Amino acid sequence: MKRVFKESELILNDRGAVYHLNLLPNEIADTIITVGDPQRVKKVSQYFDTVDIKRKKREFKTHTGTLNGMRISVISTGIGSDNIDIVLNELDALVNIDLETRTEKDELKSLNFIRIGTSGGLREGIDIESFVVNTHAIGMDGLGSYYGEADESKKLGIHDSPLPLYTGEASQQLVETIGRRMIKGVGITAGGFYAPQGRSIRYRVDHDKFISNLSSLSVGKIDVTNMEMETAALYMLAKKLGHNAVSCNVILANRVTGIFSQMPGESVDRLIRSVLQELTHSMI
């Protein structure tokens, strides 16, 4: 007998859409670009040939349309892995659960998730405004513990982490398709922007060796290159739910040299155009 998902577990709104995203199954594509900033959604969809669906609730904004014959959705997740938890689970529900009967479908669908994000470089040799595709990610945000991920702290050589660490891996096919011209590296996913990433402003946190310790890490033979707040959660949940994911980042800050980009908007736009060109073979 099929499991029935209770109303308190799979919440739908008054139009039958998933609660946080306010989306129905026919309003998303099988290829989904995720961005953090809701204002960045239009910066992606402006390059579409058509935009047929526009939805928004809270920080979750969605445009679905076509580019060069391919149907694509772009969705803002907001900041942090807690929001990735919401977005991935609700998008999976849209394609793999019958929302009327609240039961899992007999045939399950795999979605392709492509993150377009900004990040801080963790190695002196990674130039500002360069593009990095994360083949793997290390989660320092704690989300993996709720999904039964083993603590990878000792394996990674980190013995003083305040939270259990977990790892995630990108779809190799998406890495080679979308990120073939990018620097390949391992991303660190932090649970916040300031102290969790070794930053101190007015409240002093003793993180003098934090960046140097992270920059010496690797997964196999692939070095840690950058740090942000979503990728490990995206990779971990995509694998758990049977989807494919890749995270592409423009480096806006170098945490080793202390330099920040002088043209962040233009750099993000270059990354958007690069991803769309590789995805659809369109000249943008």
C-alpha atoms as a PDB file:
ATOM      1  CA  MET A   1       0.000   0.000   0.000  1.00  0.00           C
ATOM      2  CA  LYS A   2       1.322   3.419  -0.953  1.00  0.00           C
ATOM      3  CA  ARG A   3       2.294   5.868   1.737  1.00  0.00           C
ATOM      4  CA  VAL A   4      -0.046   8.887   1.925  1.00  0.00           C
ATOM      5  CA  PHE A   5       1.702  12.145   2.801  1.00  0.00           C
ATOM      6  CA  LYS A   6      -0.236  13.992   5.502  1.00  0.00           C
ATOM      7  CA  GLU A   7      -1.445  17.577   5.061  1.00  0.00           C
ATOM      8  CA  SER A   8       0.941  18.690   7.806  1.00  0.00           C
ATOM      9  CA  GLU A   9       3.925  17.129   5.968  1.00  0.00           C
ATOM     10  CA  LEU A  10       3.189  18.097   2.364  1.00  0.00           C
ATOM     11  CA  ILE A  11       1.467  21.450   2.663  1.00  0.00           C
ATOM     12  CA  LEU A  12      -0.486  22.832  -0.295  1.00  0.00           C
ATOM     13  CA  ASN A  13      -2.034  26.275  -0.639  1.00  0.00           C
ATOM     14  CA  ASP A  14      -5.561  27.171  -1.719  1.00  0.00           C
ATOM     15  CA  ARG A  15      -4.758  26.676  -5.411  1.00  0.00           C
ATOM     16  CA  GLY A  16      -3.178  23.282  -4.796  1.00  0.00           C
ATOM     17  CA  ALA A  17       0.387  24.532  -5.198  1.00  0.00           C
ATOM     18  CA  VAL A  18       3.301  23.587  -2.948  1.00  0.00           C
ATOM     19  CA  TYR A  19       3.314  25.862   0.068  1.00  0.00           C
ATOM     20  CA  HIS A  20       6.545  27.860  -0.028  1.00  0.00           C
ATOM     21  CA  LEU A  21       7.233  28.018  -3.761  1.00  0.00           C
ATOM     22  CA  ASN A  22       3.585  28.523  -4.824  1.00  0.00           C
ATOM     23  CA  LEU A  23       4.145  26.308  -7.867  1.00  0.00           C
ATOM     24  CA  LEU A  24       2.106  23.661  -9.674  1.00  0.00           C
ATOM     25  CA  PRO A  25       3.682  20.711 -11.523  1.00  0.00           C
ATOM     26  CA  ASN A  26       3.128  22.192 -14.997  1.00  0.00           C
ATOM     27  CA  GLU A  27       4.828  25.452 -14.010  1.00  0.00           C
ATOM     28  CA  ILE A  28       8.379  24.092 -13.825  1.00  0.00           C
ATOM     29  CA  ALA A  29      10.768  22.659 -16.393  1.00  0.00           C
ATOM     30  CA  ASP A  30      12.962  19.575 -16.046  1.00  0.00           C
ATOM     31  CA  THR A  31      16.013  21.862 -16.169  1.00  0.00           C
ATOM     32  CA  ILE A  32      16.087  24.326 -13.277  1.00  0.00           C
ATOM     33  CA  ILE A  33      18.599  27.107 -12.672  1.00  0.00           C
ATOM     34  CA  THR A  34      18.838  28.199  -9.041  1.00  0.00           C
ATOM     35  CA  VAL A  35      20.059  31.609  -7.932  1.00  0.00           C
ATOM     36  CA  GLY A  36      20.149  33.139  -4.477  1.00  0.00           C
ATOM     37  CA  ASP A  37      18.930  36.679  -5.113  1.00  0.00           C
ATOM     38  CA  PRO A  38      15.294  37.064  -6.329  1.00  0.00           C
ATOM     39  CA  GLN A  39      16.415  40.043  -8.438  1.00  0.00           C
ATOM     40  CA  ARG A  40      18.791  37.730 -10.288  1.00  0.00           C
ATOM     41  CA  VAL A  41      15.875  35.684 -11.667  1.00  0.00           C
ATOM     42  CA  LYS A  42      15.032  38.377 -14.241  1.00  0.00           C
ATOM     43  CA  LYS A  43      18.728  38.764 -15.028  1.00  0.00           C
ATOM     44  CA  VAL A  44      18.644  35.141 -16.172  1.00  0.00           C
ATOM     45  CA  SER A  45      15.216  35.049 -17.827  1.00  0.00           C
ATOM     46  CA  GLN A  46      15.898  38.238 -19.824  1.00  0.00           C
ATOM     47  CA  TYR A  47      17.885  35.995 -22.163  1.00  0.00           C
ATOM     48  CA  PHE A  48      15.008  33.525 -22.664  1.00  0.00           C
ATOM     49  CA  ASP A  49      13.117  33.565 -25.961  1.00  0.00           C
ATOM     50  CA  THR A  50       9.846  33.306 -24.026  1.00  0.00           C
ATOM     51  CA  VAL A  51       8.777  33.570 -20.378  1.00  0.00           C
ATOM     52  CA  ASP A  52       5.462  31.792 -19.873  1.00  0.00           C
ATOM     53  CA  ILE A  53       5.213  31.448 -16.090  1.00  0.00           C
ATOM     54  CA  LYS A  54       5.980  33.982 -13.347  1.00  0.00           C
ATOM     55  CA  ARG A  55       5.379  33.139  -9.705  1.00  0.00           C
ATOM     56  CA  LYS A  56       6.614  34.671  -6.465  1.00  0.00           C
ATOM     57  CA  LYS A  57       6.213  34.026  -2.743  1.00  0.00           C
ATOM     58  CA  ARG A  58       8.575  35.367  -0.082  1.00  0.00           C
ATOM     59  CA  GLU A  59      12.134  35.064  -1.418  1.00  0.00           C
ATOM     60  CA  PHE A  60      11.133  32.306  -3.854  1.00  0.00           C
ATOM     61  CA  LYS A  61      10.666  33.764  -7.329  1.00  0.00           C
ATOM     62  CA  THR A  62      10.212  31.590 -10.419  1.00  0.00           C
ATOM     63  CA  HIS A  63      10.288  32.287 -14.158  1.00  0.00           C
ATOM     64  CA  THR A  64       9.727  29.429 -16.616  1.00  0.00           C
ATOM     65  CA  GLY A  65      10.229  29.831 -20.348  1.00  0.00           C
ATOM     66  CA  THR A  66      12.214  28.643 -23.346  1.00  0.00           C
ATOM     67  CA  LEU A  67      15.615  29.317 -24.880  1.00  0.00           C
ATOM     68  CA  ASN A  68      16.619  27.847 -28.209  1.00  0.00           C
ATOM     69  CA  GLY A  69      13.791  25.318 -27.923  1.00  0.00           C
ATOM     70  CA  MET A  70      14.716  24.196 -24.392  1.00  0.00           C
ATOM     71  CA  ARG A  71      12.248  24.709 -21.549  1.00  0.00           C
ATOM     72  CA  ILE A  72      14.025  26.150 -18.491  1.00  0.00           C
ATOM     73  CA  SER A  73      12.979  27.391 -15.069  1.00  0.00           C
ATOM     74  CA  VAL A  74      14.986  29.818 -12.953  1.00  0.00           C
ATOM     75  CA  ILE A  75      14.181  29.940  -9.235  1.00  0.00           C
ATOM     76  CA  SER A  76      15.580  32.086  -6.434  1.00  0.00           C
ATOM     77  CA  THR A  77      16.330  30.136  -3.277  1.00  0.00           C
ATOM     78  CA  GLY A  78      17.306  32.989  -1.002  1.00  0.00           C
ATOM     79  CA  ILE A  79      20.393  32.557   1.152  1.00  0.00           C
ATOM     80  CA  GLY A  80      21.513  29.404   2.905  1.00  0.00           C
ATOM     81  CA  SER A  81      21.155  25.637   3.012  1.00  0.00           C
ATOM     82  CA  ASP A  82      17.943  25.826   5.055  1.00  0.00           C
ATOM     83  CA  ASN A  83      16.262  27.344   2.002  1.00  0.00           C
ATOM     84  CA  ILE A  84      17.807  24.715  -0.266  1.00  0.00           C
ATOM     85  CA  ASP A  85      16.092  22.153   1.978  1.00  0.00           C
ATOM     86  CA  ILE A  86      12.732  23.789   1.183  1.00  0.00           C
ATOM     87  CA  VAL A  87      13.334  24.303  -2.532  1.00  0.00           C
ATOM     88  CA  LEU A  88      14.682  20.828  -3.367  1.00  0.00           C
ATOM     89  CA  ASN A  89      12.004  18.977  -1.407  1.00  0.00           C
ATOM     90  CA  GLU A  90       9.124  20.980  -2.868  1.00  0.00           C
ATOM     91  CA  LEU A  91      10.427  20.764  -6.453  1.00  0.00           C
ATOM     92  CA  ASP A  92      10.860  17.012  -6.036  1.00  0.00           C
ATOM     93  CA  ALA A  93       7.301  16.776  -4.741  1.00  0.00           C
ATOM     94  CA  LEU A  94       6.026  18.571  -7.842  1.00  0.00           C
ATOM     95  CA  VAL A  95       7.396  15.919 -10.192  1.00  0.00           C
ATOM     96  CA  ASN A  96       7.379  12.753  -8.079  1.00  0.00           C
ATOM     97  CA  ILE A  97       4.245  13.004  -5.928  1.00  0.00           C
ATOM     98  CA  ASP A  98       0.649  13.026  -7.139  1.00  0.00           C
ATOM     99  CA  LEU A  99      -0.586  16.110  -5.295  1.00  0.00           C
ATOM    100  CA  GLU A 100      -4.229  15.037  -5.499  1.00  0.00           C
ATOM    101  CA  THR A 101      -3.778  11.584  -3.960  1.00  0.00           C
ATOM    102  CA  ARG A 102      -0.690  12.628  -1.928  1.00  0.00           C
ATOM    103  CA  THR A 103       1.125   9.443  -2.956  1.00  0.00           C
ATOM    104  CA  GLU A 104       4.441   8.816  -4.710  1.00  0.00           C
ATOM    105  CA  LYS A 105       4.178   8.299  -8.464  1.00  0.00           C
ATOM    106  CA  ASP A 106       4.977   4.922 -10.006  1.00  0.00           C
ATOM    107  CA  GLU A 107       7.489   6.472 -12.411  1.00  0.00           C
ATOM    108  CA  LEU A 108       9.941   8.909 -10.855  1.00  0.00           C
ATOM    109  CA  LYS A 109      11.533  11.826 -12.704  1.00  0.00           C
ATOM    110  CA  SER A 110      15.045  13.236 -12.372  1.00  0.00           C
ATOM    111  CA  LEU A 111      15.496  16.990 -12.610  1.00  0.00           C
ATOM    112  CA  ASN A 112      18.665  18.859 -13.563  1.00  0.00           C
ATOM    113  CA  PHE A 113      19.660  21.618 -11.121  1.00  0.00           C
ATOM    114  CA  ILE A 114      22.233  24.207 -12.149  1.00  0.00           C
ATOM    115  CA  ARG A 115      23.261  26.720  -9.512  1.00  0.00           C
ATOM    116  CA  ILE A 116      24.539  30.115 -10.661  1.00  0.00           C
ATOM    117  CA  GLY A 117      26.123  31.697  -7.619  1.00  0.00           C
ATOM    118  CA  THR A 118      28.735  33.990  -6.165  1.00  0.00           C
ATOM    119  CA  SER A 119      31.549  32.805  -3.962  1.00  0.00           C
ATOM    120  CA  GLY A 120      34.739  33.650  -2.121  1.00  0.00           C
ATOM    121  CA  GLY A 121      38.009  32.178  -3.345  1.00  0.00           C
ATOM    122  CA  LEU A 122      40.158  30.284  -0.844  1.00  0.00           C
ATOM    123  CA  ARG A 123      43.407  30.193  -2.797  1.00  0.00           C
ATOM    124  CA  GLU A 124      45.642  33.102  -3.696  1.00  0.00           C
ATOM    125  CA  GLY A 125      45.987  31.948  -7.300  1.00  0.00           C
ATOM    126  CA  ILE A 126      42.253  32.063  -8.062  1.00  0.00           C
ATOM    127  CA  ASP A 127      41.617  35.390  -9.766  1.00  0.00           C
ATOM    128  CA  ILE A 128      38.711  37.672  -8.946  1.00  0.00           C
ATOM    129  CA  GLU A 129      35.905  37.323 -11.539  1.00  0.00           C
ATOM    130  CA  SER A 130      37.010  33.805 -12.549  1.00  0.00           C
ATOM    131  CA  PHE A 131      34.472  30.956 -12.813  1.00  0.00           C
ATOM    132  CA  VAL A 132      34.653  27.837 -10.624  1.00  0.00           C
ATOM    133  CA  VAL A 133      32.569  24.698 -11.021  1.00  0.00           C
ATOM    134  CA  ASN A 134      32.380  22.573  -7.892  1.00  0.00           C
ATOM    135  CA  THR A 135      32.908  18.875  -8.568  1.00  0.00           C
ATOM    136  CA  HIS A 136      32.384  18.214  -4.858  1.00  0.00           C
ATOM    137  CA  ALA A 137      31.317  20.191  -1.804  1.00  0.00           C
ATOM    138  CA  ILE A 138      31.925  19.959   1.923  1.00  0.00           C
ATOM    139  CA  GLY A 139      28.991  20.929   4.121  1.00  0.00           C
ATOM    140  CA  MET A 140      29.852  22.805   7.317  1.00  0.00           C
ATOM    141  CA  ASP A 141      26.232  23.878   7.828  1.00  0.00           C
ATOM    142  CA  GLY A 142      24.925  20.810   9.665  1.00  0.00           C
ATOM    143  CA  LEU A 143      22.062  19.960   7.272  1.00  0.00           C
ATOM    144  CA  GLY A 144      23.494  16.572   6.350  1.00  0.00           C
ATOM    145  CA  SER A 145      22.976  15.281   9.895  1.00  0.00           C
ATOM    146  CA  TYR A 146      19.197  15.482   9.450  1.00  0.00           C
ATOM    147  CA  TYR A 147      19.418  13.275   6.339  1.00  0.00           C
ATOM    148  CA  GLY A 148      21.552  10.536   7.867  1.00  0.00           C
ATOM    149  CA  GLU A 149      24.873  11.632   6.409  1.00  0.00           C
ATOM    150  CA  ALA A 150      27.908  10.304   8.271  1.00  0.00           C
ATOM    151  CA  ASP A 151      30.282  12.776   9.897  1.00  0.00           C
ATOM    152  CA  GLU A 152      33.212  13.178   7.485  1.00  0.00           C
ATOM    153  CA  SER A 153      35.253  15.477   9.776  1.00  0.00           C
ATOM    154  CA  LYS A 154      38.112  13.090  10.549  1.00  0.00           C
ATOM    155  CA  LYS A 155      38.257  11.762   7.005  1.00  0.00           C
ATOM    156  CA  LEU A 156      38.674  15.319   5.730  1.00  0.00           C
ATOM    157  CA  GLY A 157      41.331  16.090   8.323  1.00  0.00           C
ATOM    158  CA  ILE A 158      39.210  18.580  10.284  1.00  0.00           C
ATOM    159  CA  HIS A 159      39.213  17.749  13.995  1.00  0.00           C
ATOM    160  CA  ASP A 160      37.777  20.920  15.514  1.00  0.00           C
ATOM    161  CA  SER A 161      34.614  21.510  13.467  1.00  0.00           C
ATOM    162  CA  PRO A 162      31.715  22.792  15.619  1.00  0.00           C
ATOM    163  CA  LEU A 163      29.256  20.764  13.481  1.00  0.00           C
ATOM    164  CA  PRO A 164      29.401  17.338  11.796  1.00  0.00           C
ATOM    165  CA  LEU A 165      30.666  17.657   8.227  1.00  0.00           C
ATOM    166  CA  TYR A 166      29.218  15.955   5.163  1.00  0.00           C
ATOM    167  CA  THR A 167      30.189  15.827   1.501  1.00  0.00           C
ATOM    168  CA  GLY A 168      28.302  16.017  -1.782  1.00  0.00           C
ATOM    169  CA  GLU A 169      29.221  15.378  -5.398  1.00  0.00           C
ATOM    170  CA  ALA A 170      28.071  17.054  -8.599  1.00  0.00           C
ATOM    171  CA  SER A 171      26.718  15.280 -11.650  1.00  0.00           C
ATOM    172  CA  GLN A 172      29.817  14.525 -13.705  1.00  0.00           C
ATOM    173  CA  GLN A 173      27.853  14.976 -16.913  1.00  0.00           C
ATOM    174  CA  LEU A 174      26.702  18.452 -15.884  1.00  0.00           C
ATOM    175  CA  VAL A 175      30.237  19.379 -14.795  1.00  0.00           C
ATOM    176  CA  GLU A 176      31.589  18.432 -18.214  1.00  0.00           C
ATOM    177  CA  THR A 177      28.699  20.090 -20.064  1.00  0.00           C
ATOM    178  CA  ILE A 178      28.172  23.328 -18.151  1.00  0.00           C
ATOM    179  CA  GLY A 179      31.553  23.780 -16.468  1.00  0.00           C
ATOM    180  CA  ARG A 180      33.945  22.452 -19.091  1.00  0.00           C
ATOM    181  CA  ARG A 181      35.706  25.822 -19.461  1.00  0.00           C
ATOM    182  CA  MET A 182      35.709  26.622 -15.720  1.00  0.00           C
ATOM    183  CA  ILE A 183      38.181  25.998 -12.910  1.00  0.00           C
ATOM    184  CA  LYS A 184      37.267  22.720 -11.201  1.00  0.00           C
ATOM    185  CA  GLY A 185      37.401  22.565  -7.434  1.00  0.00           C
ATOM    186  CA  VAL A 186      35.793  21.613  -4.140  1.00  0.00           C
ATOM    187  CA  GLY A 187      33.425  24.105  -2.507  1.00  0.00           C
ATOM    188  CA  ILE A 188      32.932  24.710   1.205  1.00  0.00           C
ATOM    189  CA  THR A 189      29.325  25.351   2.259  1.00  0.00           C
ATOM    190  CA  ALA A 190      29.071  27.402   5.444  1.00  0.00           C
ATOM    191  CA  GLY A 191      26.075  27.897   7.725  1.00  0.00           C
ATOM    192  CA  GLY A 192      26.340  31.701   7.725  1.00  0.00           C
ATOM    193  CA  PHE A 193      28.215  34.619   6.193  1.00  0.00           C
ATOM    194  CA  TYR A 194      30.256  36.049   9.056  1.00  0.00           C
ATOM    195  CA  ALA A 195      31.685  33.832  11.826  1.00  0.00           C
ATOM    196  CA  PRO A 196      30.844  30.562   9.979  1.00  0.00           C
ATOM    197  CA  GLN A 197      33.041  31.827   7.127  1.00  0.00           C
ATOM    198  CA  GLY A 198      35.786  33.152   9.388  1.00  0.00           C
ATOM    199  CA  ARG A 199      34.726  36.813   9.188  1.00  0.00           C
ATOM    200  CA  SER A 200      34.764  39.192  12.144  1.00  0.00           C
ATOM    201  CA  ILE A 201      33.439  42.728  12.141  1.00  0.00           C
ATOM    202  CA  ARG A 202      32.620  44.210  15.549  1.00  0.00           C
ATOM    203  CA  TYR A 203      32.409  40.979  17.526  1.00  0.00           C
ATOM    204  CA  ARG A 204      35.855  39.410  17.355  1.00  0.00           C
ATOM    205  CA  VAL A 205      35.973  35.680  16.560  1.00  0.00           C
ATOM    206  CA  ASP A 206      39.344  33.929  16.816  1.00  0.00           C
ATOM    207  CA  HIS A 207      39.564  32.538  13.283  1.00  0.00           C
ATOM    208  CA  ASP A 208      43.117  33.524  12.395  1.00  0.00           C
ATOM    209  CA  LYS A 209      43.913  30.134  10.858  1.00  0.00           C
ATOM    210  CA  PHE A 210      40.430  29.394   9.554  1.00  0.00           C
ATOM    211  CA  ILE A 211      40.982  30.318   5.889  1.00  0.00           C
ATOM    212  CA  SER A 212      44.480  28.840   5.676  1.00  0.00           C
ATOM    213  CA  ASN A 213      43.267  25.561   7.161  1.00  0.00           C
ATOM    214  CA  LEU A 214      40.377  25.329   4.679  1.00  0.00           C
ATOM    215  CA  SER A 215      42.552  26.221   1.711  1.00  0.00           C
ATOM    216  CA  SER A 216      44.785  23.231   2.433  1.00  0.00           C
ATOM    217  CA  LEU A 217      41.915  20.721   2.153  1.00  0.00           C
ATOM    218  CA  SER A 218      41.069  18.475  -0.775  1.00  0.00           C
ATOM    219  CA  VAL A 219      38.651  15.704  -1.737  1.00  0.00           C
ATOM    220  CA  GLY A 220      40.776  13.042  -3.359  1.00  0.00           C
ATOM    221  CA  LYS A 221      43.078  14.934  -5.702  1.00  0.00           C
ATOM    222  CA  ILE A 222      40.749  17.935  -6.103  1.00  0.00           C
ATOM    223  CA  ASP A 223      41.620  21.017  -4.046  1.00  0.00           C
ATOM    224  CA  VAL A 224      39.226  23.192  -2.077  1.00  0.00           C
ATOM    225  CA  THR A 225      38.784  26.385  -4.092  1.00  0.00           C
ATOM    226  CA  ASN A 226      35.909  28.456  -2.738  1.00  0.00           C
ATOM    227  CA  MET A 227      33.313  28.982  -0.008  1.00  0.00           C
ATOM    228  CA  GLU A 228      29.614  29.875  -0.135  1.00  0.00           C
ATOM    229  CA  MET A 229      26.346  28.825   1.533  1.00  0.00           C
ATOM    230  CA  GLU A 230      24.326  26.423  -0.652  1.00  0.00           C
ATOM    231  CA  THR A 231      26.255  23.928  -2.790  1.00  0.00           C
ATOM    232  CA  ALA A 232      26.795  20.983  -0.411  1.00  0.00           C
ATOM    233  CA  ALA A 233      23.105  21.000   0.509  1.00  0.00           C
ATOM    234  CA  LEU A 234      22.157  21.102  -3.176  1.00  0.00           C
ATOM    235  CA  TYR A 235      24.415  18.150  -4.006  1.00  0.00           C
ATOM    236  CA  MET A 236      23.433  16.075  -0.979  1.00  0.00           C
ATOM    237  CA  LEU A 237      19.675  16.503  -1.453  1.00  0.00           C
ATOM    238  CA  ALA A 238      19.813  16.066  -5.229  1.00  0.00           C
ATOM    239  CA  LYS A 239      21.486  12.684  -4.754  1.00  0.00           C
ATOM    240  CA  LYS A 240      19.089  11.638  -1.981  1.00  0.00           C
ATOM    241  CA  LEU A 241      16.091  12.471  -4.170  1.00  0.00           C
ATOM    242  CA  GLY A 242      17.466  11.087  -7.439  1.00  0.00           C
ATOM    243  CA  HIS A 243      18.266  14.328  -9.272  1.00  0.00           C
ATOM    244  CA  ASN A 244      21.362  15.804 -10.941  1.00  0.00           C
ATOM    245  CA  ALA A 245      23.077  18.988  -9.809  1.00  0.00           C
ATOM    246  CA  VAL A 246      26.020  21.252 -10.545  1.00  0.00           C
ATOM    247  CA  SER A 247      27.107  24.529  -8.950  1.00  0.00           C
ATOM    248  CA  CYS A 248      28.877  27.246 -10.938  1.00  0.00           C
ATOM    249  CA  ASN A 249      30.296  30.247  -9.094  1.00  0.00           C
ATOM    250  CA  VAL A 250      31.887  33.534 -10.005  1.00  0.00           C
ATOM    251  CA  ILE A 251      34.591  34.469  -7.520  1.00  0.00           C
ATOM    252  CA  LEU A 252      33.772  37.949  -6.202  1.00  0.00           C
ATOM    253  CA  ALA A 253      36.140  37.927  -3.212  1.00  0.00           C
ATOM    254  CA  ASN A 254      39.517  36.381  -2.528  1.00  0.00           C
ATOM    255  CA  ARG A 255      39.597  35.511   1.173  1.00  0.00           C
ATOM    256  CA  VAL A 256      43.369  35.031   1.164  1.00  0.00           C
ATOM    257  CA  THR A 257      44.309  38.394  -0.402  1.00  0.00           C
ATOM    258  CA  GLY A 258      41.295  40.317   0.973  1.00  0.00           C
ATOM    259  CA  ILE A 259      40.331  41.688  -2.463  1.00  0.00           C
ATOM    260  CA  PHE A 260      36.702  42.152  -3.598  1.00  0.00           C
ATOM    261  CA  SER A 261      35.445  42.538  -7.170  1.00  0.00           C
ATOM    262  CA  GLN A 262      35.082  46.031  -8.593  1.00  0.00           C
ATOM    263  CA  MET A 263      32.415  44.864 -11.065  1.00  0.00           C
ATOM    264  CA  PRO A 264      30.262  42.209  -9.362  1.00  0.00           C
ATOM    265  CA  GLY A 265      27.171  42.806 -11.497  1.00  0.00           C
ATOM    266  CA  GLU A 266      29.017  42.475 -14.788  1.00  0.00           C
ATOM    267  CA  SER A 267      30.795  39.343 -13.535  1.00  0.00           C
ATOM    268  CA  VAL A 268      27.547  37.650 -12.544  1.00  0.00           C
ATOM    269  CA  ASP A 269      26.075  38.504 -15.951  1.00  0.00           C
ATOM    270  CA  ARG A 270      29.063  36.906 -17.696  1.00  0.00           C
ATOM    271  CA  LEU A 271      28.511  33.727 -15.680  1.00  0.00           C
ATOM    272  CA  ILE A 272      24.790  33.707 -16.522  1.00  0.00           C
ATOM    273  CA  ARG A 273      25.530  34.016 -20.230  1.00  0.00           C
ATOM    274  CA  SER A 274      28.232  31.343 -20.066  1.00  0.00           C
ATOM    275  CA  VAL A 275      25.917  28.832 -18.375  1.00  0.00           C
ATOM    276  CA  LEU A 276      23.041  29.510 -20.779  1.00  0.00           C
ATOM    277  CA  GLN A 277      25.313  29.201 -23.806  1.00  0.00           C
ATOM    278  CA  GLU A 278      26.723  25.860 -22.672  1.00  0.00           C
ATOM    279  CA  LEU A 279      23.258  24.613 -21.707  1.00  0.00           C
ATOM    280  CA  THR A 280      21.422  25.533 -24.917  1.00  0.00           C
ATOM    281  CA  HIS A 281      24.229  26.132 -27.455  1.00  0.00           C
ATOM    282  CA  SER A 282      22.799  29.610 -28.066  1.00  0.00           C
ATOM    283  CA  MET A 283      24.969  32.652 -28.627  1.00  0.00           C
ATOM    284  CA  ILE A 284      24.024  35.175 -25.921  1.00  0.00           C
END
